[in-house]
Amino acid sequence: MKVNVDAPAKINLFLDIRGKRSDGYHIVSMVMQSISLCDEITVSRTDDGDIKIVCSDENIPLDETNTVYKAVELFFKETEKENKGIEIKIKKNIPTEAGLGGGSTDAAAVLHALNKLYDTELSRKELAEIGAEIGADVPFCVYGGTMSASGIGTILSPLPDLPECYLVIVKPNIGVCTKDAYEKSDSPEFSAIKGMDKITESICEANIKSVAKHLYNKFEVVMALPEVEKIKQIMLDFGALGAAMTGSGSAVFGIFDSDNMRDDCAKRLDDDYEYVYKAEPVSEVFFG
């Protein structure tokens, strides 16, 4: 028996770092959005008692350090189901070290798949609670859609669907280590806090131009990557309403109100970059 699931990437429409807790976790304010760029995952029962991961990207670890492996272990621990063997095949479409949540969404999708495969009937809330033990972005990926997040990123509040728009996403030929980015953000020079009221109000008003105007990511300031600024400028030159880096980077997205303008921009970016994607927001995660 097997279950096929899609694992949608996410972008950060807003990301600020508000401080650091005594346990080392950072306090954040974020607005996250699921998008149609997805990894494709198949979860199958086996009878060898192992957790086996097969991935199209040879750079992805296949051991217990993989978020998917952790998701399987925690699912069986929390449900007290017997693991007689699980094989997970992952077709990676979401680039790594990009800030697009590839590892988190894969873990979330596998939790949903196991829930279906074993008829455990866990609610999304219960799955999100398991996901929080894997990583701070996993609970959002369990729910998907458009949400604000606070605390360490696990206190979620749903927002109205993002108005219709079109996205182009580019990952430059540089990666960003999330741990290094957060450590750099701890410097007193980056201590100013920005409110996210304007962008959430814009989403509630279904005003995509205003949403795009108020995109913000503190990591852009912290990391100051010239390649990110170059990509953003190309997007704006081709008519993007706004552009920003997502997560700790290095992927950049642009928001367009015309699919033709988005497509022209993607074609231009294809000349310079290997990883260029066209996508749209999705209102809820879909699992095949």
C-alpha atoms as a PDB file:
ATOM      1  CA  MET A   1       0.000   0.000   0.000  1.00  0.00           C
ATOM      2  CA  LYS A   2       1.297   3.480  -0.860  1.00  0.00           C
ATOM      3  CA  VAL A   3       0.229   7.132  -0.749  1.00  0.00           C
ATOM      4  CA  ASN A   4       1.352   9.842  -3.182  1.00  0.00           C
ATOM      5  CA  VAL A   5       1.597  13.358  -1.771  1.00  0.00           C
ATOM      6  CA  ASP A   6       2.629  16.803  -3.000  1.00  0.00           C
ATOM      7  CA  ALA A   7       4.722  19.004  -0.726  1.00  0.00           C
ATOM      8  CA  PRO A   8       4.279  22.705  -1.586  1.00  0.00           C
ATOM      9  CA  ALA A   9       7.085  25.205  -1.082  1.00  0.00           C
ATOM     10  CA  LYS A  10       6.528  28.347   0.971  1.00  0.00           C
ATOM     11  CA  ILE A  11       7.589  31.956   0.629  1.00  0.00           C
ATOM     12  CA  ASN A  12       7.882  34.602   3.328  1.00  0.00           C
ATOM     13  CA  LEU A  13       5.913  37.721   2.494  1.00  0.00           C
ATOM     14  CA  PHE A  14       7.179  39.195   5.747  1.00  0.00           C
ATOM     15  CA  LEU A  15       9.937  38.106   8.108  1.00  0.00           C
ATOM     16  CA  ASP A  16      11.285  39.975  11.097  1.00  0.00           C
ATOM     17  CA  ILE A  17      13.414  38.722  13.974  1.00  0.00           C
ATOM     18  CA  ARG A  18      12.284  40.196  17.274  1.00  0.00           C
ATOM     19  CA  GLY A  19      14.824  38.701  19.647  1.00  0.00           C
ATOM     20  CA  LYS A  20      16.288  35.517  21.019  1.00  0.00           C
ATOM     21  CA  ARG A  21      15.057  33.297  23.833  1.00  0.00           C
ATOM     22  CA  SER A  22      17.256  31.929  26.576  1.00  0.00           C
ATOM     23  CA  ASP A  23      17.047  28.460  24.959  1.00  0.00           C
ATOM     24  CA  GLY A  24      18.588  29.789  21.750  1.00  0.00           C
ATOM     25  CA  TYR A  25      15.406  29.918  19.660  1.00  0.00           C
ATOM     26  CA  HIS A  26      14.686  33.181  17.870  1.00  0.00           C
ATOM     27  CA  ILE A  27      11.395  35.050  18.234  1.00  0.00           C
ATOM     28  CA  VAL A  28       9.948  35.988  14.856  1.00  0.00           C
ATOM     29  CA  SER A  29       7.079  37.744  13.131  1.00  0.00           C
ATOM     30  CA  MET A  30       6.247  36.240   9.765  1.00  0.00           C
ATOM     31  CA  VAL A  31       3.643  36.002   7.063  1.00  0.00           C
ATOM     32  CA  MET A  32       4.004  32.791   5.063  1.00  0.00           C
ATOM     33  CA  GLN A  33       2.379  31.647   1.846  1.00  0.00           C
ATOM     34  CA  SER A  34       2.173  28.204   0.234  1.00  0.00           C
ATOM     35  CA  ILE A  35       2.942  28.120  -3.487  1.00  0.00           C
ATOM     36  CA  SER A  36       2.398  25.685  -6.335  1.00  0.00           C
ATOM     37  CA  LEU A  37       6.069  24.646  -6.625  1.00  0.00           C
ATOM     38  CA  CYS A  38       6.073  21.173  -5.043  1.00  0.00           C
ATOM     39  CA  ASP A  39       8.214  18.196  -4.212  1.00  0.00           C
ATOM     40  CA  GLU A  40       6.575  14.888  -5.146  1.00  0.00           C
ATOM     41  CA  ILE A  41       6.605  12.168  -2.500  1.00  0.00           C
ATOM     42  CA  THR A  42       5.521   8.533  -2.391  1.00  0.00           C
ATOM     43  CA  VAL A  43       5.234   6.782   0.981  1.00  0.00           C
ATOM     44  CA  SER A  44       4.968   2.978   0.934  1.00  0.00           C
ATOM     45  CA  ARG A  45       4.695   0.268   3.557  1.00  0.00           C
ATOM     46  CA  THR A  46       7.369  -2.402   3.456  1.00  0.00           C
ATOM     47  CA  ASP A  47       8.085  -5.421   5.635  1.00  0.00           C
ATOM     48  CA  ASP A  48      11.791  -5.013   6.391  1.00  0.00           C
ATOM     49  CA  GLY A  49      11.387  -2.902   9.542  1.00  0.00           C
ATOM     50  CA  ASP A  50      13.527  -0.085   8.171  1.00  0.00           C
ATOM     51  CA  ILE A  51      12.993   3.557   7.273  1.00  0.00           C
ATOM     52  CA  LYS A  52      14.338   3.894   3.741  1.00  0.00           C
ATOM     53  CA  ILE A  53      14.562   7.204   1.887  1.00  0.00           C
ATOM     54  CA  VAL A  54      15.215   7.487  -1.852  1.00  0.00           C
ATOM     55  CA  CYS A  55      15.751  10.989  -3.252  1.00  0.00           C
ATOM     56  CA  SER A  56      16.327  12.391  -6.726  1.00  0.00           C
ATOM     57  CA  ASP A  57      18.802  14.917  -5.273  1.00  0.00           C
ATOM     58  CA  GLU A  58      22.007  13.102  -4.377  1.00  0.00           C
ATOM     59  CA  ASN A  59      23.009  15.930  -2.024  1.00  0.00           C
ATOM     60  CA  ILE A  60      20.108  15.232   0.352  1.00  0.00           C
ATOM     61  CA  PRO A  61      21.064  13.113   3.399  1.00  0.00           C
ATOM     62  CA  LEU A  62      19.100   9.898   3.671  1.00  0.00           C
ATOM     63  CA  ASP A  63      19.758   9.143   7.338  1.00  0.00           C
ATOM     64  CA  GLU A  64      18.224  10.254  10.652  1.00  0.00           C
ATOM     65  CA  THR A  65      19.320  13.862   9.991  1.00  0.00           C
ATOM     66  CA  ASN A  66      16.705  14.128   7.228  1.00  0.00           C
ATOM     67  CA  THR A  67      13.485  15.861   8.327  1.00  0.00           C
ATOM     68  CA  VAL A  68      11.443  13.144   6.631  1.00  0.00           C
ATOM     69  CA  TYR A  69      13.228  10.451   8.647  1.00  0.00           C
ATOM     70  CA  LYS A  70      12.485  12.413  11.824  1.00  0.00           C
ATOM     71  CA  ALA A  71       8.825  12.722  10.792  1.00  0.00           C
ATOM     72  CA  VAL A  72       8.514   8.956  10.430  1.00  0.00           C
ATOM     73  CA  GLU A  73      10.150   8.273  13.801  1.00  0.00           C
ATOM     74  CA  LEU A  74       7.980  10.813  15.613  1.00  0.00           C
ATOM     75  CA  PHE A  75       4.779   9.627  13.924  1.00  0.00           C
ATOM     76  CA  PHE A  76       5.288   6.066  15.181  1.00  0.00           C
ATOM     77  CA  LYS A  77       6.366   7.297  18.604  1.00  0.00           C
ATOM     78  CA  GLU A  78       3.278   9.514  19.039  1.00  0.00           C
ATOM     79  CA  THR A  79       0.729   7.079  17.589  1.00  0.00           C
ATOM     80  CA  GLU A  80       2.311   3.960  19.118  1.00  0.00           C
ATOM     81  CA  LYS A  81       1.821   2.214  15.790  1.00  0.00           C
ATOM     82  CA  GLU A  82       4.300  -0.520  14.918  1.00  0.00           C
ATOM     83  CA  ASN A  83       6.702   0.360  12.123  1.00  0.00           C
ATOM     84  CA  LYS A  84       7.082  -2.778  10.041  1.00  0.00           C
ATOM     85  CA  GLY A  85       8.927  -0.804   7.378  1.00  0.00           C
ATOM     86  CA  ILE A  86       8.519   2.449   5.437  1.00  0.00           C
ATOM     87  CA  GLU A  87      10.004   3.552   2.130  1.00  0.00           C
ATOM     88  CA  ILE A  88       9.817   7.190   1.059  1.00  0.00           C
ATOM     89  CA  LYS A  89      10.645   8.306  -2.472  1.00  0.00           C
ATOM     90  CA  ILE A  90      11.205  12.043  -2.951  1.00  0.00           C
ATOM     91  CA  LYS A  91      11.351  13.818  -6.296  1.00  0.00           C
ATOM     92  CA  LYS A  92      12.942  17.151  -5.392  1.00  0.00           C
ATOM     93  CA  ASN A  93      11.645  20.128  -7.346  1.00  0.00           C
ATOM     94  CA  ILE A  94      12.185  22.670  -4.556  1.00  0.00           C
ATOM     95  CA  PRO A  95      15.827  23.811  -4.443  1.00  0.00           C
ATOM     96  CA  THR A  96      17.777  23.444  -1.206  1.00  0.00           C
ATOM     97  CA  GLU A  97      19.360  26.242   0.846  1.00  0.00           C
ATOM     98  CA  ALA A  98      16.841  28.584  -0.714  1.00  0.00           C
ATOM     99  CA  GLY A  99      14.481  29.628   2.092  1.00  0.00           C
ATOM    100  CA  LEU A 100      11.585  27.840   0.376  1.00  0.00           C
ATOM    101  CA  GLY A 101      10.984  25.321   3.168  1.00  0.00           C
ATOM    102  CA  GLY A 102      11.788  22.191   1.169  1.00  0.00           C
ATOM    103  CA  GLY A 103      12.793  20.071   4.147  1.00  0.00           C
ATOM    104  CA  SER A 104       9.918  21.305   6.304  1.00  0.00           C
ATOM    105  CA  THR A 105       7.231  20.743   3.694  1.00  0.00           C
ATOM    106  CA  ASP A 106       8.541  17.250   2.914  1.00  0.00           C
ATOM    107  CA  ALA A 107       8.254  16.369   6.598  1.00  0.00           C
ATOM    108  CA  ALA A 108       4.730  17.801   6.768  1.00  0.00           C
ATOM    109  CA  ALA A 109       3.640  15.914   3.670  1.00  0.00           C
ATOM    110  CA  VAL A 110       5.012  12.649   5.038  1.00  0.00           C
ATOM    111  CA  LEU A 111       3.097  13.163   8.301  1.00  0.00           C
ATOM    112  CA  HIS A 112      -0.105  13.588   6.256  1.00  0.00           C
ATOM    113  CA  ALA A 113       0.746  10.497   4.179  1.00  0.00           C
ATOM    114  CA  LEU A 114       1.402   8.335   7.242  1.00  0.00           C
ATOM    115  CA  ASN A 115      -1.819   9.581   8.818  1.00  0.00           C
ATOM    116  CA  LYS A 116      -3.681   8.331   5.750  1.00  0.00           C
ATOM    117  CA  LEU A 117      -1.633   5.161   5.334  1.00  0.00           C
ATOM    118  CA  TYR A 118      -2.301   4.038   8.915  1.00  0.00           C
ATOM    119  CA  ASP A 119      -5.843   5.446   9.292  1.00  0.00           C
ATOM    120  CA  THR A 120      -4.827   7.238  12.476  1.00  0.00           C
ATOM    121  CA  GLU A 121      -7.228  10.148  11.825  1.00  0.00           C
ATOM    122  CA  LEU A 122      -4.992  12.713  13.537  1.00  0.00           C
ATOM    123  CA  SER A 123      -6.208  16.278  13.129  1.00  0.00           C
ATOM    124  CA  ARG A 124      -4.049  18.919  11.454  1.00  0.00           C
ATOM    125  CA  LYS A 125      -3.505  20.396  14.905  1.00  0.00           C
ATOM    126  CA  GLU A 126      -2.155  17.080  16.162  1.00  0.00           C
ATOM    127  CA  LEU A 127       0.037  16.677  13.084  1.00  0.00           C
ATOM    128  CA  ALA A 128       1.327  20.229  13.561  1.00  0.00           C
ATOM    129  CA  GLU A 129       2.219  19.445  17.170  1.00  0.00           C
ATOM    130  CA  ILE A 130       4.321  16.506  15.959  1.00  0.00           C
ATOM    131  CA  GLY A 131       5.796  18.718  13.258  1.00  0.00           C
ATOM    132  CA  ALA A 132       6.896  21.337  15.795  1.00  0.00           C
ATOM    133  CA  GLU A 133       9.326  18.777  17.206  1.00  0.00           C
ATOM    134  CA  ILE A 134      10.988  18.561  13.790  1.00  0.00           C
ATOM    135  CA  GLY A 135      11.321  22.242  12.942  1.00  0.00           C
ATOM    136  CA  ALA A 136       9.650  25.617  13.404  1.00  0.00           C
ATOM    137  CA  ASP A 137       8.335  25.814   9.801  1.00  0.00           C
ATOM    138  CA  VAL A 138       6.792  22.332   9.780  1.00  0.00           C
ATOM    139  CA  PRO A 139       3.513  23.295  11.544  1.00  0.00           C
ATOM    140  CA  PHE A 140       2.831  25.962   8.907  1.00  0.00           C
ATOM    141  CA  CYS A 141       3.533  23.428   6.168  1.00  0.00           C
ATOM    142  CA  VAL A 142       1.030  21.040   7.776  1.00  0.00           C
ATOM    143  CA  TYR A 143      -1.689  23.691   7.386  1.00  0.00           C
ATOM    144  CA  GLY A 144      -0.523  25.689   4.358  1.00  0.00           C
ATOM    145  CA  GLY A 145      -2.311  28.610   2.740  1.00  0.00           C
ATOM    146  CA  THR A 146      -1.695  32.128   4.034  1.00  0.00           C
ATOM    147  CA  MET A 147      -0.781  32.559   7.693  1.00  0.00           C
ATOM    148  CA  SER A 148       0.960  34.838  10.129  1.00  0.00           C
ATOM    149  CA  ALA A 149       3.377  33.253  12.566  1.00  0.00           C
ATOM    150  CA  SER A 150       4.807  34.426  15.859  1.00  0.00           C
ATOM    151  CA  GLY A 151       6.783  33.031  18.779  1.00  0.00           C
ATOM    152  CA  ILE A 152       9.446  30.778  17.279  1.00  0.00           C
ATOM    153  CA  GLY A 153       7.240  30.481  14.191  1.00  0.00           C
ATOM    154  CA  THR A 154       4.832  27.875  15.539  1.00  0.00           C
ATOM    155  CA  ILE A 155       2.033  30.182  16.799  1.00  0.00           C
ATOM    156  CA  LEU A 156      -0.072  30.397  13.657  1.00  0.00           C
ATOM    157  CA  SER A 157      -3.027  32.561  12.703  1.00  0.00           C
ATOM    158  CA  PRO A 158      -4.845  32.030   9.382  1.00  0.00           C
ATOM    159  CA  LEU A 159      -5.232  34.971   7.015  1.00  0.00           C
ATOM    160  CA  PRO A 160      -7.527  35.371   3.996  1.00  0.00           C
ATOM    161  CA  ASP A 161      -6.288  33.857   0.742  1.00  0.00           C
ATOM    162  CA  LEU A 162      -3.763  35.979  -1.092  1.00  0.00           C
ATOM    163  CA  PRO A 163      -5.424  37.815  -4.008  1.00  0.00           C
ATOM    164  CA  GLU A 164      -4.813  36.313  -7.464  1.00  0.00           C
ATOM    165  CA  CYS A 165      -1.248  36.931  -8.577  1.00  0.00           C
ATOM    166  CA  TYR A 166       1.658  35.315 -10.362  1.00  0.00           C
ATOM    167  CA  LEU A 167       5.099  34.517  -9.019  1.00  0.00           C
ATOM    168  CA  VAL A 168       8.556  34.055 -10.429  1.00  0.00           C
ATOM    169  CA  ILE A 169      11.156  32.518  -8.127  1.00  0.00           C
ATOM    170  CA  VAL A 170      14.896  32.447  -8.664  1.00  0.00           C
ATOM    171  CA  LYS A 171      17.578  30.691  -6.659  1.00  0.00           C
ATOM    172  CA  PRO A 172      20.971  32.199  -7.444  1.00  0.00           C
ATOM    173  CA  ASN A 173      24.103  30.085  -7.474  1.00  0.00           C
ATOM    174  CA  ILE A 174      24.726  30.773  -3.808  1.00  0.00           C
ATOM    175  CA  GLY A 175      23.334  29.084  -0.741  1.00  0.00           C
ATOM    176  CA  VAL A 176      22.723  30.494   2.715  1.00  0.00           C
ATOM    177  CA  CYS A 177      23.229  28.559   5.939  1.00  0.00           C
ATOM    178  CA  THR A 178      20.188  29.314   8.109  1.00  0.00           C
ATOM    179  CA  LYS A 179      22.185  28.902  11.320  1.00  0.00           C
ATOM    180  CA  ASP A 180      24.782  31.440  10.154  1.00  0.00           C
ATOM    181  CA  ALA A 181      22.091  33.895   9.064  1.00  0.00           C
ATOM    182  CA  TYR A 182      20.369  33.793  12.452  1.00  0.00           C
ATOM    183  CA  GLU A 183      23.665  34.172  14.285  1.00  0.00           C
ATOM    184  CA  LYS A 184      24.507  37.228  12.214  1.00  0.00           C
ATOM    185  CA  SER A 185      21.062  38.691  12.938  1.00  0.00           C
ATOM    186  CA  ASP A 186      21.891  38.681  16.663  1.00  0.00           C
ATOM    187  CA  SER A 187      24.205  41.656  16.164  1.00  0.00           C
ATOM    188  CA  PRO A 188      22.927  44.830  17.906  1.00  0.00           C
ATOM    189  CA  GLU A 189      23.059  46.691  14.578  1.00  0.00           C
ATOM    190  CA  PHE A 190      20.062  44.629  13.393  1.00  0.00           C
ATOM    191  CA  SER A 191      17.965  45.041  16.534  1.00  0.00           C
ATOM    192  CA  ALA A 192      15.311  47.375  15.060  1.00  0.00           C
ATOM    193  CA  ILE A 193      11.883  45.723  14.911  1.00  0.00           C
ATOM    194  CA  LYS A 194       9.418  46.237  12.072  1.00  0.00           C
ATOM    195  CA  GLY A 195       5.675  45.737  12.448  1.00  0.00           C
ATOM    196  CA  MET A 196       3.714  43.514  10.077  1.00  0.00           C
ATOM    197  CA  ASP A 197       0.342  45.244  10.499  1.00  0.00           C
ATOM    198  CA  LYS A 198       0.468  46.894   7.077  1.00  0.00           C
ATOM    199  CA  ILE A 199       0.993  43.699   5.139  1.00  0.00           C
ATOM    200  CA  THR A 200      -1.648  41.751   7.076  1.00  0.00           C
ATOM    201  CA  GLU A 201      -4.113  44.615   6.562  1.00  0.00           C
ATOM    202  CA  SER A 202      -3.301  44.568   2.843  1.00  0.00           C
ATOM    203  CA  ILE A 203      -4.002  40.834   2.680  1.00  0.00           C
ATOM    204  CA  CYS A 204      -7.300  41.282   4.540  1.00  0.00           C
ATOM    205  CA  GLU A 205      -8.242  44.048   2.092  1.00  0.00           C
ATOM    206  CA  ALA A 206      -7.329  41.801  -0.883  1.00  0.00           C
ATOM    207  CA  ASN A 207      -5.016  44.527  -2.180  1.00  0.00           C
ATOM    208  CA  ILE A 208      -2.178  42.721  -3.962  1.00  0.00           C
ATOM    209  CA  LYS A 209      -0.383  45.943  -4.901  1.00  0.00           C
ATOM    210  CA  SER A 210      -0.261  46.969  -1.267  1.00  0.00           C
ATOM    211  CA  VAL A 211       0.857  43.471  -0.235  1.00  0.00           C
ATOM    212  CA  ALA A 212       3.729  43.679  -2.697  1.00  0.00           C
ATOM    213  CA  LYS A 213       4.622  47.171  -1.489  1.00  0.00           C
ATOM    214  CA  HIS A 214       5.031  45.945   2.089  1.00  0.00           C
ATOM    215  CA  LEU A 215       7.134  42.823   1.485  1.00  0.00           C
ATOM    216  CA  TYR A 216       9.931  42.669   4.051  1.00  0.00           C
ATOM    217  CA  ASN A 217      12.671  40.261   5.078  1.00  0.00           C
ATOM    218  CA  LYS A 218      15.199  41.215   7.744  1.00  0.00           C
ATOM    219  CA  PHE A 219      17.608  38.610   6.421  1.00  0.00           C
ATOM    220  CA  GLU A 220      17.977  40.727   3.287  1.00  0.00           C
ATOM    221  CA  VAL A 221      19.396  43.475   5.495  1.00  0.00           C
ATOM    222  CA  VAL A 222      21.450  41.059   7.577  1.00  0.00           C
ATOM    223  CA  MET A 223      23.003  39.112   4.686  1.00  0.00           C
ATOM    224  CA  ALA A 224      23.219  42.002   2.160  1.00  0.00           C
ATOM    225  CA  LEU A 225      23.742  39.714  -0.831  1.00  0.00           C
ATOM    226  CA  PRO A 226      24.472  41.677  -4.048  1.00  0.00           C
ATOM    227  CA  GLU A 227      23.061  38.866  -6.190  1.00  0.00           C
ATOM    228  CA  VAL A 228      19.718  39.141  -4.393  1.00  0.00           C
ATOM    229  CA  GLU A 229      19.531  42.863  -5.128  1.00  0.00           C
ATOM    230  CA  LYS A 230      20.413  42.228  -8.770  1.00  0.00           C
ATOM    231  CA  ILE A 231      17.599  39.699  -9.168  1.00  0.00           C
ATOM    232  CA  LYS A 232      15.099  41.955  -7.414  1.00  0.00           C
ATOM    233  CA  GLN A 233      15.949  44.819  -9.749  1.00  0.00           C
ATOM    234  CA  ILE A 234      15.463  42.649 -12.836  1.00  0.00           C
ATOM    235  CA  MET A 235      12.054  41.582 -11.509  1.00  0.00           C
ATOM    236  CA  LEU A 236      11.041  45.186 -10.838  1.00  0.00           C
ATOM    237  CA  ASP A 237      12.287  46.246 -14.292  1.00  0.00           C
ATOM    238  CA  PHE A 238       9.991  43.622 -15.812  1.00  0.00           C
ATOM    239  CA  GLY A 239       6.949  44.921 -13.959  1.00  0.00           C
ATOM    240  CA  ALA A 240       6.946  43.107 -10.623  1.00  0.00           C
ATOM    241  CA  LEU A 241       4.737  44.811  -8.049  1.00  0.00           C
ATOM    242  CA  GLY A 242       7.327  43.896  -5.447  1.00  0.00           C
ATOM    243  CA  ALA A 243      10.185  41.468  -4.859  1.00  0.00           C
ATOM    244  CA  ALA A 244      11.915  40.019  -1.805  1.00  0.00           C
ATOM    245  CA  MET A 245      14.144  37.243  -0.564  1.00  0.00           C
ATOM    246  CA  THR A 246      12.369  34.375   1.167  1.00  0.00           C
ATOM    247  CA  GLY A 247      13.392  32.822   4.477  1.00  0.00           C
ATOM    248  CA  SER A 248      17.099  33.087   5.185  1.00  0.00           C
ATOM    249  CA  GLY A 249      17.663  32.944   1.431  1.00  0.00           C
ATOM    250  CA  SER A 250      18.963  32.767  -1.109  1.00  0.00           C
ATOM    251  CA  ALA A 251      15.847  32.426  -3.298  1.00  0.00           C
ATOM    252  CA  VAL A 252      14.114  35.613  -4.443  1.00  0.00           C
ATOM    253  CA  PHE A 253      10.497  35.941  -5.556  1.00  0.00           C
ATOM    254  CA  GLY A 254       8.628  38.591  -7.483  1.00  0.00           C
ATOM    255  CA  ILE A 255       4.868  39.228  -7.436  1.00  0.00           C
ATOM    256  CA  PHE A 256       3.095  40.140 -10.702  1.00  0.00           C
ATOM    257  CA  ASP A 257      -0.516  40.958 -11.496  1.00  0.00           C
ATOM    258  CA  SER A 258      -0.068  39.728 -15.092  1.00  0.00           C
ATOM    259  CA  ASP A 259       0.958  36.214 -16.089  1.00  0.00           C
ATOM    260  CA  ASN A 260       2.391  37.551 -19.375  1.00  0.00           C
ATOM    261  CA  MET A 261       4.683  39.973 -17.532  1.00  0.00           C
ATOM    262  CA  ARG A 262       5.668  37.198 -15.139  1.00  0.00           C
ATOM    263  CA  ASP A 263       6.477  34.888 -18.051  1.00  0.00           C
ATOM    264  CA  ASP A 264       8.580  37.569 -19.779  1.00  0.00           C
ATOM    265  CA  CYS A 265      10.515  38.106 -16.559  1.00  0.00           C
ATOM    266  CA  ALA A 266      11.101  34.372 -16.106  1.00  0.00           C
ATOM    267  CA  LYS A 267      12.380  34.132 -19.688  1.00  0.00           C
ATOM    268  CA  ARG A 268      14.844  36.964 -19.038  1.00  0.00           C
ATOM    269  CA  LEU A 269      16.048  35.400 -15.781  1.00  0.00           C
ATOM    270  CA  ASP A 270      16.527  32.044 -17.523  1.00  0.00           C
ATOM    271  CA  ASP A 271      19.398  33.649 -19.419  1.00  0.00           C
ATOM    272  CA  ASP A 272      21.402  34.139 -16.214  1.00  0.00           C
ATOM    273  CA  TYR A 273      20.179  31.554 -13.704  1.00  0.00           C
ATOM    274  CA  GLU A 274      19.752  27.793 -13.648  1.00  0.00           C
ATOM    275  CA  TYR A 275      16.929  27.669 -11.109  1.00  0.00           C
ATOM    276  CA  VAL A 276      13.973  29.773 -12.277  1.00  0.00           C
ATOM    277  CA  TYR A 277      10.408  28.784 -11.431  1.00  0.00           C
ATOM    278  CA  LYS A 278       6.940  30.080 -12.230  1.00  0.00           C
ATOM    279  CA  ALA A 279       4.305  29.541  -9.556  1.00  0.00           C
ATOM    280  CA  GLU A 280       1.076  30.795  -8.017  1.00  0.00           C
ATOM    281  CA  PRO A 281      -0.133  30.991  -4.408  1.00  0.00           C
ATOM    282  CA  VAL A 282      -2.179  28.023  -3.206  1.00  0.00           C
ATOM    283  CA  SER A 283      -4.929  28.518  -0.671  1.00  0.00           C
ATOM    284  CA  GLU A 284      -4.414  25.213   1.102  1.00  0.00           C
ATOM    285  CA  VAL A 285      -1.925  22.415   0.878  1.00  0.00           C
ATOM    286  CA  PHE A 286      -2.839  19.596  -1.441  1.00  0.00           C
ATOM    287  CA  PHE A 287      -1.724  16.053  -0.994  1.00  0.00           C
ATOM    288  CA  GLY A 288      -2.474  14.231  -4.242  1.00  0.00           C
END
